[in-house]
N, C-alpha and C. Protein backbone atom coordinates (compact mmCIF):
# COMPACT_ATOMS: atom_id res chain seq x y z
N MET A 1 79.10 158.16 133.71
CA MET A 1 78.74 159.86 133.49
C MET A 1 78.36 159.83 132.02
N GLY A 2 77.40 160.76 131.50
CA GLY A 2 77.00 160.78 130.22
C GLY A 2 78.04 161.55 129.30
N ALA A 3 77.45 161.74 128.13
CA ALA A 3 78.51 162.63 127.04
C ALA A 3 78.92 163.98 127.39
N THR A 4 78.46 164.65 128.36
CA THR A 4 79.01 165.86 128.75
C THR A 4 78.38 166.06 130.10
N ALA A 5 78.38 164.97 130.88
CA ALA A 5 77.96 164.87 132.48
C ALA A 5 79.34 165.77 132.90
N GLU A 6 78.77 166.36 134.34
CA GLU A 6 79.99 167.03 134.97
C GLU A 6 79.47 166.97 136.84
N ARG A 7 80.58 167.07 137.12
CA ARG A 7 80.47 166.99 138.58
C ARG A 7 81.41 168.16 139.38
N ALA A 8 80.62 169.06 139.98
CA ALA A 8 81.12 170.10 140.72
C ALA A 8 81.62 169.61 142.02
N SER A 9 82.82 170.47 142.36
CA SER A 9 83.73 170.30 143.30
C SER A 9 84.15 171.46 144.30
N PRO A 10 85.45 171.62 144.67
CA PRO A 10 85.47 173.12 145.16
C PRO A 10 85.65 174.22 144.35
N PRO A 11 85.35 175.36 144.63
CA PRO A 11 85.16 176.56 143.48
C PRO A 11 86.77 177.03 143.24
N ASP A 12 87.43 176.20 142.88
CA ASP A 12 88.69 176.84 142.12
C ASP A 12 88.86 176.61 140.70
N ARG A 13 89.45 177.06 140.08
CA ARG A 13 89.77 177.10 138.54
C ARG A 13 90.50 175.76 137.92
N ILE A 14 90.25 174.71 138.49
CA ILE A 14 91.03 173.36 137.98
C ILE A 14 89.81 172.28 137.30
N VAL A 15 90.05 172.11 136.14
CA VAL A 15 89.02 171.22 135.70
C VAL A 15 89.78 169.96 134.93
N VAL A 16 89.14 168.84 135.05
CA VAL A 16 89.60 167.61 134.67
C VAL A 16 88.44 167.09 133.56
N ILE A 17 89.16 166.90 132.32
CA ILE A 17 87.92 166.51 131.37
C ILE A 17 88.17 165.10 130.86
N GLY A 18 87.53 163.88 130.69
CA GLY A 18 87.73 162.88 130.20
C GLY A 18 87.00 162.86 128.79
N VAL A 19 87.64 162.55 127.58
CA VAL A 19 87.35 162.51 126.41
C VAL A 19 87.03 161.15 126.01
N GLY A 20 86.23 160.96 125.19
CA GLY A 20 85.93 159.49 124.68
C GLY A 20 84.47 159.02 124.64
N ASN A 21 84.36 158.03 123.95
CA ASN A 21 83.21 157.28 123.92
C ASN A 21 83.37 155.82 124.43
N PRO A 22 82.66 155.54 125.51
CA PRO A 22 82.87 154.10 126.18
C PRO A 22 82.46 153.00 125.49
N LEU A 23 81.52 153.43 124.43
CA LEU A 23 81.00 152.26 123.45
C LEU A 23 81.95 151.60 122.38
N ARG A 24 83.10 152.53 122.30
CA ARG A 24 84.07 152.48 121.49
C ARG A 24 85.49 151.69 121.80
N GLY A 25 85.21 150.59 122.69
CA GLY A 25 86.61 150.02 123.09
C GLY A 25 87.33 150.95 123.83
N ASP A 26 88.88 151.02 123.66
CA ASP A 26 89.90 151.93 124.42
C ASP A 26 89.48 153.33 124.31
N ASP A 27 88.39 153.83 123.42
CA ASP A 27 88.18 155.16 123.45
C ASP A 27 87.56 155.63 124.57
N GLY A 28 87.19 154.66 125.40
CA GLY A 28 86.43 155.05 126.78
C GLY A 28 87.18 155.25 128.03
N VAL A 29 88.65 155.03 127.48
CA VAL A 29 89.54 155.53 128.76
C VAL A 29 89.31 156.78 129.36
N GLY A 30 89.35 157.78 128.73
CA GLY A 30 89.42 158.87 129.39
C GLY A 30 88.12 159.05 130.29
N THR A 31 86.69 158.52 129.91
CA THR A 31 85.64 158.44 130.78
C THR A 31 85.83 157.65 131.95
N ALA A 32 86.62 156.44 131.63
CA ALA A 32 86.86 155.48 132.90
C ALA A 32 87.79 156.35 133.87
N VAL A 33 88.77 156.97 133.66
CA VAL A 33 89.64 157.83 134.41
C VAL A 33 88.73 158.86 135.42
N VAL A 34 87.65 159.47 134.63
CA VAL A 34 86.80 160.13 135.51
C VAL A 34 86.20 159.80 136.12
N ASP A 35 85.58 158.50 135.94
CA ASP A 35 84.76 157.66 136.79
C ASP A 35 85.56 157.28 138.26
N VAL A 36 87.02 157.07 138.01
CA VAL A 36 87.75 156.48 139.07
C VAL A 36 88.03 157.87 139.93
N LEU A 37 88.28 159.19 139.41
CA LEU A 37 88.35 160.18 139.98
C LEU A 37 87.15 160.68 140.90
N ALA A 38 85.85 160.38 140.48
CA ALA A 38 84.70 160.62 140.74
C ALA A 38 84.36 159.97 142.14
N ALA A 39 85.07 158.75 142.04
CA ALA A 39 84.66 157.79 142.92
C ALA A 39 85.17 157.96 144.43
N ASP A 40 86.32 158.59 144.42
CA ASP A 40 87.17 159.27 145.44
C ASP A 40 87.55 160.68 145.03
N PRO A 41 86.53 161.64 145.37
CA PRO A 41 86.68 162.86 144.96
C PRO A 41 88.15 163.58 144.79
N CYS A 42 88.03 164.21 143.63
CA CYS A 42 89.46 164.79 143.45
C CYS A 42 89.22 166.35 143.57
N PRO A 43 90.09 167.09 144.38
CA PRO A 43 89.75 168.63 144.69
C PRO A 43 89.92 169.80 143.50
N VAL A 44 88.82 169.41 142.39
CA VAL A 44 88.95 169.98 141.31
C VAL A 44 87.57 171.25 141.11
N ALA A 45 87.49 171.97 140.51
CA ALA A 45 86.15 172.87 140.35
C ALA A 45 85.18 171.99 139.27
N ARG A 46 85.94 171.20 138.31
CA ARG A 46 84.67 170.49 137.41
C ARG A 46 85.58 169.45 137.27
N LEU A 47 84.74 168.28 137.20
CA LEU A 47 85.27 166.80 136.63
C LEU A 47 83.89 166.50 135.54
N ALA A 48 84.46 166.39 134.30
CA ALA A 48 83.40 166.32 133.22
C ALA A 48 83.90 165.13 132.11
N VAL A 49 82.94 164.62 131.65
CA VAL A 49 83.54 163.89 130.45
C VAL A 49 82.86 164.41 129.31
N CYS A 50 83.41 164.19 128.04
CA CYS A 50 82.95 164.79 126.78
C CYS A 50 83.24 164.08 125.51
N ASP A 51 82.41 164.19 124.51
CA ASP A 51 82.70 163.40 123.11
C ASP A 51 83.93 163.85 122.29
N GLY A 52 84.41 165.03 122.90
CA GLY A 52 85.59 165.47 121.95
C GLY A 52 85.27 166.65 120.97
N GLU A 53 84.13 167.12 120.80
CA GLU A 53 83.61 168.17 120.08
C GLU A 53 84.26 169.18 120.37
N PRO A 54 84.78 170.07 119.64
CA PRO A 54 85.75 171.24 120.18
C PRO A 54 85.03 172.18 120.97
N ALA A 55 83.95 172.54 120.52
CA ALA A 55 83.00 173.65 121.36
C ALA A 55 82.85 173.27 122.67
N ARG A 56 82.55 172.07 122.74
CA ARG A 56 81.89 171.54 124.04
C ARG A 56 83.66 171.34 124.77
N LEU A 57 84.42 170.97 124.35
CA LEU A 57 85.71 170.98 125.16
C LEU A 57 86.19 172.53 125.52
N ILE A 58 86.05 173.60 124.51
CA ILE A 58 86.19 175.04 124.98
C ILE A 58 85.14 175.35 126.14
N GLU A 59 83.96 175.07 126.13
CA GLU A 59 83.12 175.46 127.23
C GLU A 59 83.52 174.78 128.53
N LEU A 60 83.91 173.53 128.50
CA LEU A 60 84.37 172.87 129.76
C LEU A 60 85.43 173.63 130.44
N TRP A 61 86.53 173.89 129.60
CA TRP A 61 87.68 174.57 130.08
C TRP A 61 87.69 175.91 130.01
N ASP A 62 86.60 176.69 129.72
CA ASP A 62 86.84 178.03 129.49
C ASP A 62 87.04 178.70 130.98
N GLY A 63 87.91 179.59 131.20
CA GLY A 63 88.28 180.29 132.24
C GLY A 63 89.10 179.32 133.31
N ALA A 64 89.46 178.26 133.05
CA ALA A 64 90.39 177.29 134.04
C ALA A 64 91.57 178.04 133.93
N GLU A 65 92.21 177.98 135.31
CA GLU A 65 93.74 178.22 135.43
C GLU A 65 94.50 176.76 135.09
N LEU A 66 93.77 175.63 135.30
CA LEU A 66 94.64 174.52 134.77
C LEU A 66 93.45 173.48 134.25
N ALA A 67 93.56 173.03 133.04
CA ALA A 67 92.76 172.06 132.45
C ALA A 67 93.68 170.79 132.05
N VAL A 68 93.08 169.68 132.59
CA VAL A 68 93.88 168.06 132.18
C VAL A 68 92.56 167.48 131.61
N VAL A 69 93.03 167.08 130.18
CA VAL A 69 92.35 166.50 129.48
C VAL A 69 92.92 165.03 129.23
N LEU A 70 92.14 164.12 129.21
CA LEU A 70 92.48 162.73 129.35
C LEU A 70 91.84 162.20 128.02
N ASP A 71 92.61 161.59 127.10
CA ASP A 71 91.97 161.13 125.71
C ASP A 71 92.96 159.76 125.35
N ALA A 72 92.18 159.14 124.74
CA ALA A 72 92.94 157.85 123.90
C ALA A 72 93.80 158.28 122.76
N VAL A 73 94.78 157.64 122.40
CA VAL A 73 95.46 158.04 121.18
C VAL A 73 95.87 156.42 120.45
N ARG A 74 95.76 156.73 119.26
CA ARG A 74 95.91 155.09 118.50
C ARG A 74 97.21 154.84 118.74
N VAL A 75 97.80 153.52 119.24
CA VAL A 75 98.92 153.03 119.05
C VAL A 75 98.94 151.56 118.62
N PRO A 76 100.18 151.00 118.40
CA PRO A 76 100.35 149.58 117.91
C PRO A 76 99.83 148.80 119.12
N PRO A 77 99.25 147.67 119.07
CA PRO A 77 98.62 146.75 120.26
C PRO A 77 99.90 146.59 121.32
N GLU A 78 101.10 146.51 120.93
CA GLU A 78 102.17 146.20 121.92
C GLU A 78 102.31 147.55 122.89
N ARG A 79 101.77 148.63 122.37
CA ARG A 79 102.00 149.95 123.08
C ARG A 79 100.71 150.49 123.90
N ALA A 80 99.83 149.59 123.80
CA ALA A 80 98.28 149.88 124.42
C ALA A 80 98.71 150.18 126.13
N GLY A 81 98.08 151.07 126.46
CA GLY A 81 98.16 151.21 128.00
C GLY A 81 99.14 152.21 128.55
N ARG A 82 100.14 152.79 127.62
CA ARG A 82 101.31 153.57 127.88
C ARG A 82 100.60 155.12 128.06
N LEU A 83 101.15 155.67 129.22
CA LEU A 83 100.59 156.98 129.42
C LEU A 83 101.52 158.13 128.90
N HIS A 84 100.85 158.84 128.08
CA HIS A 84 101.80 160.14 127.50
C HIS A 84 101.21 161.44 128.05
N ARG A 85 102.34 162.08 128.66
CA ARG A 85 101.87 163.53 129.09
C ARG A 85 102.52 164.79 128.20
N LEU A 86 101.48 165.67 127.84
CA LEU A 86 102.17 166.61 127.23
C LEU A 86 101.29 167.92 127.77
N ARG A 87 102.32 168.99 128.04
CA ARG A 87 101.94 170.29 128.08
C ARG A 87 101.56 171.18 126.75
N LEU A 88 100.55 171.72 126.63
CA LEU A 88 100.15 172.21 125.27
C LEU A 88 100.25 173.57 125.26
N THR A 89 100.55 174.28 124.33
CA THR A 89 100.13 175.96 124.02
C THR A 89 99.40 175.98 122.65
N GLY A 90 98.67 176.83 122.54
CA GLY A 90 97.86 177.08 121.55
C GLY A 90 98.38 178.04 120.57
N ASN A 91 99.23 178.93 120.90
CA ASN A 91 99.83 180.02 120.34
C ASN A 91 100.94 179.91 119.24
N GLY A 92 101.35 178.83 118.97
CA GLY A 92 102.36 178.41 118.16
C GLY A 92 103.69 178.32 118.75
N ALA A 93 103.88 178.70 120.18
CA ALA A 93 104.94 178.71 120.75
C ALA A 93 105.43 177.46 121.67
N SER A 94 106.48 176.91 121.45
CA SER A 94 106.64 176.01 122.39
C SER A 94 107.83 176.20 123.52
N ALA A 95 107.65 175.81 124.57
CA ALA A 95 108.79 175.84 125.68
C ALA A 95 109.28 174.48 126.12
N PRO A 96 110.25 174.43 126.75
CA PRO A 96 110.70 173.05 127.08
C PRO A 96 109.49 172.42 127.67
N GLY A 97 109.41 171.14 127.24
CA GLY A 97 108.35 170.28 127.66
C GLY A 97 106.68 170.54 127.03
N GLU A 98 106.94 171.48 126.23
CA GLU A 98 105.60 171.93 125.67
C GLU A 98 105.61 171.21 124.21
N VAL A 99 104.55 171.11 123.66
CA VAL A 99 104.15 170.78 122.42
C VAL A 99 103.08 171.70 121.97
N THR A 100 103.21 172.14 120.66
CA THR A 100 102.25 172.77 119.88
C THR A 100 101.37 171.76 119.33
N VAL A 101 100.16 171.85 119.53
CA VAL A 101 99.11 171.00 118.69
C VAL A 101 98.61 171.80 117.58
N GLU A 102 98.87 171.03 116.34
CA GLU A 102 98.17 171.56 115.28
C GLU A 102 96.73 171.11 114.97
N PRO A 103 95.95 172.02 114.23
CA PRO A 103 94.67 171.73 114.22
C PRO A 103 94.14 170.33 113.84
N THR A 104 95.27 169.46 112.93
CA THR A 104 95.17 168.23 112.36
C THR A 104 95.42 167.29 113.36
N ALA A 105 95.79 167.77 114.43
CA ALA A 105 96.35 166.77 115.56
C ALA A 105 94.73 166.05 116.32
N ALA A 106 94.62 164.87 116.39
CA ALA A 106 93.48 164.64 117.33
C ALA A 106 93.67 163.20 117.87
N GLY A 107 93.17 163.02 118.83
CA GLY A 107 93.12 161.54 119.30
C GLY A 107 92.46 160.56 118.24
N SER A 108 91.31 159.90 118.84
CA SER A 108 90.87 158.76 118.13
C SER A 108 89.48 159.51 117.18
N HIS A 109 89.36 160.66 117.32
CA HIS A 109 88.27 161.54 116.85
C HIS A 109 88.72 162.46 115.57
N GLY A 110 87.80 162.53 114.80
CA GLY A 110 87.91 163.22 113.40
C GLY A 110 88.47 164.65 114.01
N LEU A 111 87.56 165.27 114.64
CA LEU A 111 87.70 166.69 115.06
C LEU A 111 87.98 166.54 116.45
N GLY A 112 89.33 167.20 116.95
CA GLY A 112 89.37 166.85 118.40
C GLY A 112 90.23 168.05 119.26
N LEU A 113 91.14 167.66 120.03
CA LEU A 113 92.07 168.50 120.82
C LEU A 113 92.79 169.67 120.01
N GLY A 114 93.39 169.31 118.95
CA GLY A 114 93.90 170.05 118.04
C GLY A 114 93.16 171.35 117.64
N HIS A 115 92.13 171.06 117.27
CA HIS A 115 90.86 171.91 116.61
C HIS A 115 90.33 172.68 117.78
N ALA A 116 90.20 172.17 118.68
CA ALA A 116 89.67 172.85 120.14
C ALA A 116 90.70 174.03 120.34
N LEU A 117 92.07 173.49 120.59
CA LEU A 117 92.90 174.36 120.98
C LEU A 117 93.14 175.55 119.99
N ALA A 118 93.08 175.16 118.51
CA ALA A 118 93.30 176.34 117.60
C ALA A 118 91.99 177.48 117.83
N LEU A 119 90.99 176.80 117.85
CA LEU A 119 89.74 177.69 118.12
C LEU A 119 89.81 178.55 119.20
N ALA A 120 90.10 177.87 120.33
CA ALA A 120 90.34 178.48 121.52
C ALA A 120 91.12 179.70 121.68
N THR A 121 92.29 179.51 120.87
CA THR A 121 93.41 180.49 120.79
C THR A 121 92.73 181.76 119.84
N VAL A 122 92.00 181.29 119.05
CA VAL A 122 91.67 182.61 118.35
C VAL A 122 90.76 183.48 119.16
N LEU A 123 89.80 182.50 119.89
CA LEU A 123 88.58 183.26 120.78
C LEU A 123 89.26 183.61 122.01
N GLY A 124 90.29 183.62 122.54
CA GLY A 124 91.23 184.03 123.48
C GLY A 124 90.37 183.07 124.74
N ARG A 125 90.17 181.66 124.47
CA ARG A 125 89.65 180.69 125.66
C ARG A 125 90.62 179.51 125.72
N VAL A 126 91.64 179.83 126.00
CA VAL A 126 92.68 178.78 125.95
C VAL A 126 93.02 178.78 127.66
N PRO A 127 93.00 177.61 128.44
CA PRO A 127 93.24 177.57 129.84
C PRO A 127 94.75 178.12 129.99
N ARG A 128 95.10 178.84 130.95
CA ARG A 128 96.34 179.17 131.48
C ARG A 128 97.28 178.10 131.23
N ARG A 129 96.97 176.78 131.76
CA ARG A 129 97.89 175.79 131.67
C ARG A 129 96.90 174.71 131.31
N LEU A 130 97.42 173.90 130.17
CA LEU A 130 96.44 172.51 129.42
C LEU A 130 97.57 171.57 129.80
N VAL A 131 97.19 170.53 130.18
CA VAL A 131 97.98 169.16 130.24
C VAL A 131 97.26 168.00 129.53
N LEU A 132 97.63 167.38 128.45
CA LEU A 132 96.87 166.29 127.98
C LEU A 132 97.45 164.87 128.41
N LEU A 133 96.61 164.16 129.18
CA LEU A 133 97.26 162.78 129.23
C LEU A 133 96.66 161.86 128.55
N ALA A 134 97.38 161.40 127.31
CA ALA A 134 97.02 160.50 126.49
C ALA A 134 97.31 159.06 126.65
N ILE A 135 96.36 158.15 126.66
CA ILE A 135 96.58 156.80 127.09
C ILE A 135 96.41 155.97 125.76
N GLY A 136 97.53 155.26 125.46
CA GLY A 136 97.45 154.52 124.29
C GLY A 136 96.44 153.45 123.97
N GLY A 137 95.78 153.20 122.95
CA GLY A 137 95.01 152.50 122.90
C GLY A 137 95.01 151.87 121.36
N SER A 138 94.39 150.55 121.33
CA SER A 138 94.83 149.78 119.98
C SER A 138 93.35 149.38 119.31
N ALA A 139 92.23 149.45 120.18
CA ALA A 139 90.95 148.79 119.84
C ALA A 139 89.86 149.70 119.87
N PHE A 140 89.45 150.11 118.75
CA PHE A 140 88.64 151.44 119.00
C PHE A 140 86.94 150.94 118.20
N GLY A 141 87.08 149.58 118.05
CA GLY A 141 85.56 149.15 117.18
C GLY A 141 84.41 149.42 118.21
N LEU A 142 83.47 149.01 117.68
CA LEU A 142 82.07 148.98 118.42
C LEU A 142 82.13 148.13 119.45
N GLY A 143 81.50 148.42 120.73
CA GLY A 143 81.57 147.38 121.62
C GLY A 143 81.81 147.97 123.02
N HIS A 144 81.57 147.43 124.00
CA HIS A 144 81.68 148.03 125.16
C HIS A 144 83.15 147.37 125.95
N GLY A 145 83.90 148.19 126.54
CA GLY A 145 84.88 147.58 127.38
C GLY A 145 86.49 147.93 126.84
N LEU A 146 87.18 148.27 127.80
CA LEU A 146 88.65 148.78 127.55
C LEU A 146 89.39 147.51 127.23
N GLY A 147 90.49 147.47 126.70
CA GLY A 147 91.17 146.22 126.38
C GLY A 147 92.07 145.81 127.88
N PRO A 148 92.47 144.83 128.03
CA PRO A 148 93.09 144.68 129.40
C PRO A 148 94.21 145.58 129.30
N ALA A 149 95.34 145.84 128.56
CA ALA A 149 96.48 146.84 128.83
C ALA A 149 95.96 148.29 129.24
N VAL A 150 94.86 148.65 128.57
CA VAL A 150 94.23 150.01 128.74
C VAL A 150 93.55 150.22 130.03
N ALA A 151 92.77 148.96 130.40
CA ALA A 151 92.12 148.92 131.69
C ALA A 151 92.98 148.99 132.83
N GLU A 152 94.21 148.24 132.77
CA GLU A 152 95.35 148.33 133.71
C GLU A 152 95.65 149.95 133.90
N ALA A 153 95.71 150.62 132.85
CA ALA A 153 96.69 151.97 132.72
C ALA A 153 95.48 152.92 133.74
N VAL A 154 94.21 152.65 133.54
CA VAL A 154 93.29 153.66 134.34
C VAL A 154 93.59 153.84 135.81
N PRO A 155 93.95 153.12 136.68
CA PRO A 155 94.59 153.76 137.89
C PRO A 155 95.82 154.65 138.05
N GLY A 156 96.78 154.39 137.27
CA GLY A 156 97.87 155.06 137.10
C GLY A 156 97.66 156.41 136.40
N ALA A 157 96.57 156.65 135.69
CA ALA A 157 96.14 157.89 135.02
C ALA A 157 95.50 158.74 135.95
N ALA A 158 94.80 157.91 136.84
CA ALA A 158 94.20 158.54 137.55
C ALA A 158 95.00 159.23 139.03
N ALA A 159 96.21 158.42 139.13
CA ALA A 159 97.08 159.05 140.19
C ALA A 159 97.88 160.01 139.50
N ALA A 160 97.96 160.16 138.15
CA ALA A 160 98.99 161.08 137.27
C ALA A 160 98.07 162.34 137.39
N VAL A 161 96.79 162.29 137.46
CA VAL A 161 95.94 163.20 137.35
C VAL A 161 96.03 164.03 138.91
N ARG A 162 96.00 163.25 139.88
CA ARG A 162 96.00 163.56 141.24
C ARG A 162 97.22 164.41 141.41
N GLY A 163 98.34 163.96 140.85
CA GLY A 163 99.66 164.67 140.92
C GLY A 163 99.86 165.88 140.25
N ILE A 164 99.30 165.90 139.23
CA ILE A 164 99.07 167.06 138.46
C ILE A 164 98.44 168.39 139.13
N VAL A 165 97.37 167.97 139.86
CA VAL A 165 96.59 168.86 140.54
C VAL A 165 97.25 169.06 141.98
N ALA A 166 97.83 168.20 142.65
CA ALA A 166 98.44 168.48 143.64
C ALA A 166 99.80 169.47 143.33
N ARG A 167 100.70 169.35 142.50
CA ARG A 167 101.81 169.95 142.04
C ARG A 167 101.23 171.31 141.60
N HIS A 168 100.13 171.61 141.08
CA HIS A 168 99.81 172.99 140.64
C HIS A 168 99.19 173.67 141.67
N ARG A 169 98.66 173.07 142.88
CA ARG A 169 97.84 173.58 144.04
C ARG A 169 99.15 174.00 144.73
N ALA A 170 100.28 173.40 144.82
CA ALA A 170 101.57 173.58 145.44
C ALA A 170 102.33 174.84 144.97
N GLY A 171 102.03 175.16 143.74
CA GLY A 171 102.74 176.20 142.92
C GLY A 171 103.74 175.46 141.91
N ARG A 172 103.81 174.69 142.08
CA ARG A 172 104.75 173.92 140.97
C ARG A 172 104.26 173.47 139.78
N ARG A 173 104.72 173.64 138.82
CA ARG A 173 104.31 173.24 137.51
C ARG A 173 105.06 172.11 136.81
């Protein structure tokens, strides 16, 4: 899928967005997970990939009941491939299991999810529920391909997305 390609599915308000650049090593993990989900359709309204630019993220999740964002996060090599799940709020409030993301927070991008969330909050365009699945990566240099530990994490991240979607559809958060 391209930098902002998307695939439509059932007409509900669940979106899954893979953030990253597959030409920058482990940074491509979000797009790799979306590719797995696209190969065996996931029941969502929109399945998309994005380069992480805040305005594009906001446009992709605008009006969503649930948005699941997949992105790489820099970690030491021994922690590569670990999956981290965060429920996010953009209003400065934190509830149990939720994390407030400040505008300075970003995955492997200069501007990223923190900026998108801050801007979306001001504009009133935050999804009702936003879940970040961050996959630890350690190799972000130019070149194609995920590191072995990150590549092994892709099926588990896809399964995690399916679980989040299923629990949301069942009314469990």
